[in-house]
Protein backbone atom coordinates (compact mmCIF):
# COMPACT_ATOMS: atom_id res chain seq x y z
CA UNK A 1 95.89 97.04 89.29
CA UNK A 2 93.06 97.03 86.56
CA UNK A 3 92.91 98.14 83.09
CA UNK A 4 92.13 101.14 83.30
CA UNK A 5 94.13 101.96 86.34
CA UNK A 6 97.49 101.07 83.67
CA UNK A 7 96.32 103.10 81.51
CA UNK A 8 95.29 105.87 83.81
CA UNK A 9 99.45 105.45 85.36
CA UNK A 10 101.16 105.50 81.90
CA UNK A 11 98.99 108.89 81.25
CA UNK A 12 100.40 110.76 84.17
CA UNK A 13 103.67 109.44 83.04
CA UNK A 14 103.33 110.40 79.99
CA UNK A 15 101.55 114.38 80.81
CA UNK A 16 98.69 113.73 79.27
CA UNK A 17 96.68 116.37 79.97
CA UNK A 18 93.65 115.58 82.60
CA UNK A 19 91.11 116.69 80.42
CA UNK A 20 92.11 114.61 77.59
CA UNK A 21 92.64 110.91 79.63
CA UNK A 22 89.03 110.14 79.99
CA UNK A 23 88.99 110.05 76.20
CA UNK A 24 92.39 108.35 75.22
CA UNK A 25 91.66 105.40 78.09
CA UNK A 26 87.95 104.40 76.33
CA UNK A 27 89.56 105.18 72.94
CA UNK A 28 92.73 102.76 73.45
CA UNK A 29 90.89 100.22 75.26
CA UNK A 30 88.25 99.79 72.03
CA UNK A 31 90.71 99.83 70.04
CA UNK A 32 92.45 96.37 71.54
CA UNK A 33 88.98 95.56 72.43
CA UNK A 34 89.14 95.39 75.83
CA UNK A 35 87.03 98.06 77.29
CA UNK A 36 84.52 95.55 78.53
CA UNK A 37 87.60 94.33 80.45
CA UNK A 38 88.12 97.83 81.48
CA UNK A 39 87.73 97.02 85.33
CA UNK A 40 89.42 93.93 85.20
CA UNK A 41 92.33 93.64 87.41
CA UNK A 42 95.27 92.69 84.56
CA UNK A 43 96.89 89.64 86.91
CA UNK A 44 93.91 88.42 85.89
CA UNK A 45 93.47 88.68 82.01
CA UNK A 46 94.20 85.80 79.71
CA UNK A 47 97.87 85.97 77.76
CA UNK A 48 96.34 87.52 74.54
CA UNK A 49 94.37 90.02 76.76
CA UNK A 50 97.71 91.16 78.36
CA UNK A 51 99.34 91.53 74.77
CA UNK A 52 96.35 93.63 73.91
CA UNK A 53 96.86 96.06 77.10
CA UNK A 54 100.45 96.07 77.25
CA UNK A 55 99.51 97.68 73.03
CA UNK A 56 97.08 100.13 74.34
CA UNK A 57 99.76 101.35 77.21
CA UNK A 58 101.92 101.92 73.85
CA UNK A 59 99.66 103.90 72.49
CA UNK A 60 98.69 106.29 75.54
CA UNK A 61 99.96 109.73 74.80
CA UNK A 62 100.20 109.12 71.27
CA UNK A 63 104.14 108.19 71.48
CA UNK A 64 106.33 108.40 68.19
CA UNK A 65 108.33 105.56 69.07
CA UNK A 66 106.87 101.95 69.99
CA UNK A 67 108.57 98.70 70.57
CA UNK A 68 106.87 95.63 70.52
CA UNK A 69 107.98 92.79 72.37
CA UNK A 70 106.28 89.65 70.12
CA UNK A 71 102.51 91.46 70.20
CA UNK A 72 100.34 88.45 69.58
CA UNK A 73 102.05 85.78 71.37
CA UNK A 74 99.41 83.35 73.00
CA UNK A 75 97.04 84.99 70.64
CA UNK A 76 94.33 83.33 68.57
CA UNK A 77 94.44 83.92 64.21
CA UNK A 78 91.07 86.31 64.79
CA UNK A 79 92.92 88.56 67.20
CA UNK A 80 96.60 88.34 65.77
CA UNK A 81 94.78 90.34 62.87
CA UNK A 82 92.79 92.53 64.65
CA UNK A 83 96.97 93.69 66.59
CA UNK A 84 98.30 93.78 62.93
CA UNK A 85 95.68 96.09 61.29
CA UNK A 86 96.09 98.43 64.58
CA UNK A 87 99.82 98.05 63.63
CA UNK A 88 99.63 98.64 60.36
CA UNK A 89 97.78 101.86 61.27
CA UNK A 90 100.11 103.46 63.69
CA UNK A 91 102.64 102.54 60.26
CA UNK A 92 101.00 104.62 58.51
CA UNK A 93 100.75 107.17 60.72
CA UNK A 94 104.32 108.01 60.68
CA UNK A 95 105.02 106.28 63.64
CA UNK A 96 108.50 104.21 63.90
CA UNK A 97 107.88 100.90 64.88
CA UNK A 98 110.52 97.92 66.23
CA UNK A 99 108.78 95.12 66.99
CA UNK A 100 110.24 91.36 67.19
CA UNK A 101 108.42 87.91 66.65
CA UNK A 102 108.88 84.06 65.88
CA UNK A 103 106.14 84.43 63.53
CA UNK A 104 107.38 84.92 59.63
CA UNK A 105 103.74 85.58 58.73
CA UNK A 106 104.09 88.64 61.01
CA UNK A 107 107.58 90.04 59.88
CA UNK A 108 105.97 89.31 56.37
CA UNK A 109 103.42 91.41 56.30
CA UNK A 110 104.11 94.38 59.04
CA UNK A 111 108.02 95.27 58.53
CA UNK A 112 109.25 97.62 55.73
CA UNK A 113 112.53 96.27 56.80
CA UNK A 114 113.32 92.77 58.61
CA UNK A 115 116.79 91.90 60.93
CA UNK A 116 117.57 87.97 60.68
CA UNK A 117 119.20 86.08 63.48
CA UNK A 118 120.44 82.90 63.40
CA UNK A 119 122.49 81.08 66.29
CA UNK A 120 122.24 84.60 68.20
CA UNK A 121 123.62 86.76 65.55
CA UNK A 122 122.07 89.42 63.41
CA UNK A 123 123.13 88.52 60.04
CA UNK A 124 120.87 89.97 57.94
CA UNK A 125 119.07 93.47 57.56
CA UNK A 126 116.85 94.49 55.06
CA UNK A 127 113.59 94.72 53.01
CA UNK A 128 111.47 91.39 53.12
CA UNK A 129 112.04 91.54 48.72
CA UNK A 130 115.88 91.95 49.41
CA UNK A 131 115.78 89.04 52.15
CA UNK A 132 114.30 86.68 49.37
CA UNK A 133 116.69 87.92 46.85
CA UNK A 134 119.45 87.09 48.73
CA UNK A 135 118.49 84.10 50.53
CA UNK A 136 115.68 82.84 48.24
CA UNK A 137 116.67 80.56 45.27
CA UNK A 138 114.05 81.82 43.20
CA UNK A 139 110.17 81.95 42.10
CA UNK A 140 108.20 78.94 42.22
CA UNK A 141 105.74 77.83 39.22
CA UNK A 142 102.97 75.41 40.09
CA UNK A 143 101.28 74.59 36.77
CA UNK A 144 98.08 71.80 37.62
CA UNK A 145 95.79 70.15 35.16
CA UNK A 146 91.84 70.13 34.77
CA UNK A 147 89.69 68.18 37.07
CA UNK A 148 88.92 64.67 36.57
CA UNK A 149 90.31 61.03 36.43
CA UNK A 150 91.30 60.42 32.75
CA UNK A 151 92.26 64.23 31.80
CA UNK A 152 94.62 63.64 34.62
CA UNK A 153 96.07 60.85 33.46
CA UNK A 154 96.65 62.31 30.37
CA UNK A 155 98.53 65.54 32.13
CA UNK A 156 100.87 62.91 33.21
CA UNK A 157 101.64 61.53 29.47
CA UNK A 158 101.70 65.61 29.17
CA UNK A 159 104.24 66.49 31.84
CA UNK A 160 107.57 65.93 29.69
CA UNK A 161 106.38 68.09 26.88
CA UNK A 162 105.19 70.61 29.61
CA UNK A 163 108.57 70.44 31.14
CA UNK A 164 110.49 70.76 28.20
CA UNK A 165 108.27 73.97 27.23
CA UNK A 166 109.13 75.53 30.18
CA UNK A 167 113.51 74.54 30.02
CA UNK A 168 112.98 75.94 26.45
CA UNK A 169 111.66 79.76 27.54
CA UNK A 170 114.04 79.38 30.61
CA UNK A 171 117.07 76.70 30.65
CA UNK A 172 117.69 77.05 33.76
CA UNK A 173 114.41 76.37 35.44
CA UNK A 174 114.03 73.04 37.44
CA UNK A 175 111.78 70.45 38.12
CA UNK A 176 111.19 70.39 42.23
CA UNK A 177 109.15 67.13 43.56
CA UNK A 178 105.46 67.69 44.71
CA UNK A 179 103.31 66.25 46.38
CA UNK A 180 99.73 66.40 44.73
CA UNK A 181 100.27 64.50 41.20
CA UNK A 182 98.27 66.68 39.52
CA UNK A 183 100.52 69.90 40.33
CA UNK A 184 104.02 69.97 38.35
CA UNK A 185 105.98 72.58 40.47
CA UNK A 186 109.21 74.22 38.63
CA UNK A 187 111.87 76.64 40.60
CA UNK A 188 112.41 79.74 38.37
CA UNK A 189 116.15 82.16 39.12
CA UNK A 190 115.34 85.50 39.71
CA UNK A 191 116.87 86.55 36.64
CA UNK A 192 114.81 84.59 34.00
CA UNK A 193 111.88 86.84 35.66
CA UNK A 194 111.79 89.03 32.36
CA UNK A 195 111.10 85.64 30.27
CA UNK A 196 107.99 85.09 32.20
CA UNK A 197 105.54 86.86 30.33
CA UNK A 198 106.44 84.70 27.08
CA UNK A 199 106.22 81.57 28.76
CA UNK A 200 103.22 82.59 30.03
CA UNK A 201 101.19 83.28 26.72
CA UNK A 202 102.86 79.92 25.72
CA UNK A 203 101.17 77.93 28.41
CA UNK A 204 98.00 79.62 27.84
CA UNK A 205 98.16 78.94 23.92
CA UNK A 206 99.52 75.31 23.79
CA UNK A 207 96.77 73.16 22.95
CA UNK A 208 96.32 69.94 24.50
CA UNK A 209 98.51 70.09 27.55
CA UNK A 210 95.05 69.90 29.92
CA UNK A 211 96.50 73.13 31.88
CA UNK A 212 94.00 74.46 34.36
CA UNK A 213 95.72 76.79 35.93
CA UNK A 214 99.12 77.66 36.60
CA UNK A 215 100.67 80.38 39.39
CA UNK A 216 103.65 82.27 40.43
CA UNK A 217 105.49 83.07 43.68
CA UNK A 218 107.94 84.14 45.62
CA UNK A 219 110.11 81.55 48.14
CA UNK A 220 107.73 82.54 51.19
CA UNK A 221 109.83 84.06 53.44
CA UNK A 222 108.83 81.42 56.39
CA UNK A 223 110.00 79.16 54.41
CA UNK A 224 113.43 80.81 53.93
CA UNK A 225 114.12 81.36 57.23
CA UNK A 226 114.24 77.29 58.28
CA UNK A 227 116.21 76.37 55.27
CA UNK A 228 118.73 79.12 56.88
CA UNK A 229 118.04 77.27 60.67
CA UNK A 230 119.70 73.90 58.90
CA UNK A 231 122.77 75.95 57.51
CA UNK A 232 126.09 77.91 58.90
CA UNK A 233 124.76 81.37 57.51
CA UNK A 234 126.56 82.60 55.04
CA UNK A 235 128.64 86.37 56.54
CA UNK A 236 126.50 88.97 56.97
CA UNK A 237 124.19 90.83 53.69
CA UNK A 238 122.92 94.36 54.75
CA UNK A 239 120.56 96.71 52.42
CA UNK A 240 121.82 100.02 52.91
CA UNK A 241 118.85 103.24 52.16
CA UNK A 242 120.33 106.26 51.69
């Protein structure tokens, strides 16, 4: 069957009025980027384009609940972003979407709630923030020097002072080894969040530190999951929303 024939079959199954079938077929083929391949047999499509056809079939008839099993598998980064945009649009329309993926950045980007499986068991369910707080160790603070060889040499000599400033402001802060010599990396616990503003003011106002830039970020979700694969999950953790 061709791409268009697959969508026409779904239209019949879902009871779409015949006067509207062609409009829906054209709309969804355009949306997923398969309009030019409408008469191509689905068996002749690439793996990524088959995923696009599956997405178009799922959307036919204005379905309120959609199940996507690895919808961007075998796609290039550009096509993946297009599919993400479509899924976000569906979510904004109030549709319920259940999605499985091996791309952690995809879950981070698209999901309101995430279920994490480890060794065949579902052991955590919650928002992205909840997962990061439960399994992450905190925030990462990166402090980098201004450019220039001499300045970087000065920065190396000033590292003890910078470490002292950070640990005075947040005693629980720890230095994390980092590959770039011109960058200092710290791990700051979630409980210290209220102290961040004062620390940043000190870093900005202190003369002679040769600090060019500093940034603060959560653990990335993919980093957390990669670490969890090497650990035994500590029981099941579920975030309940009432």
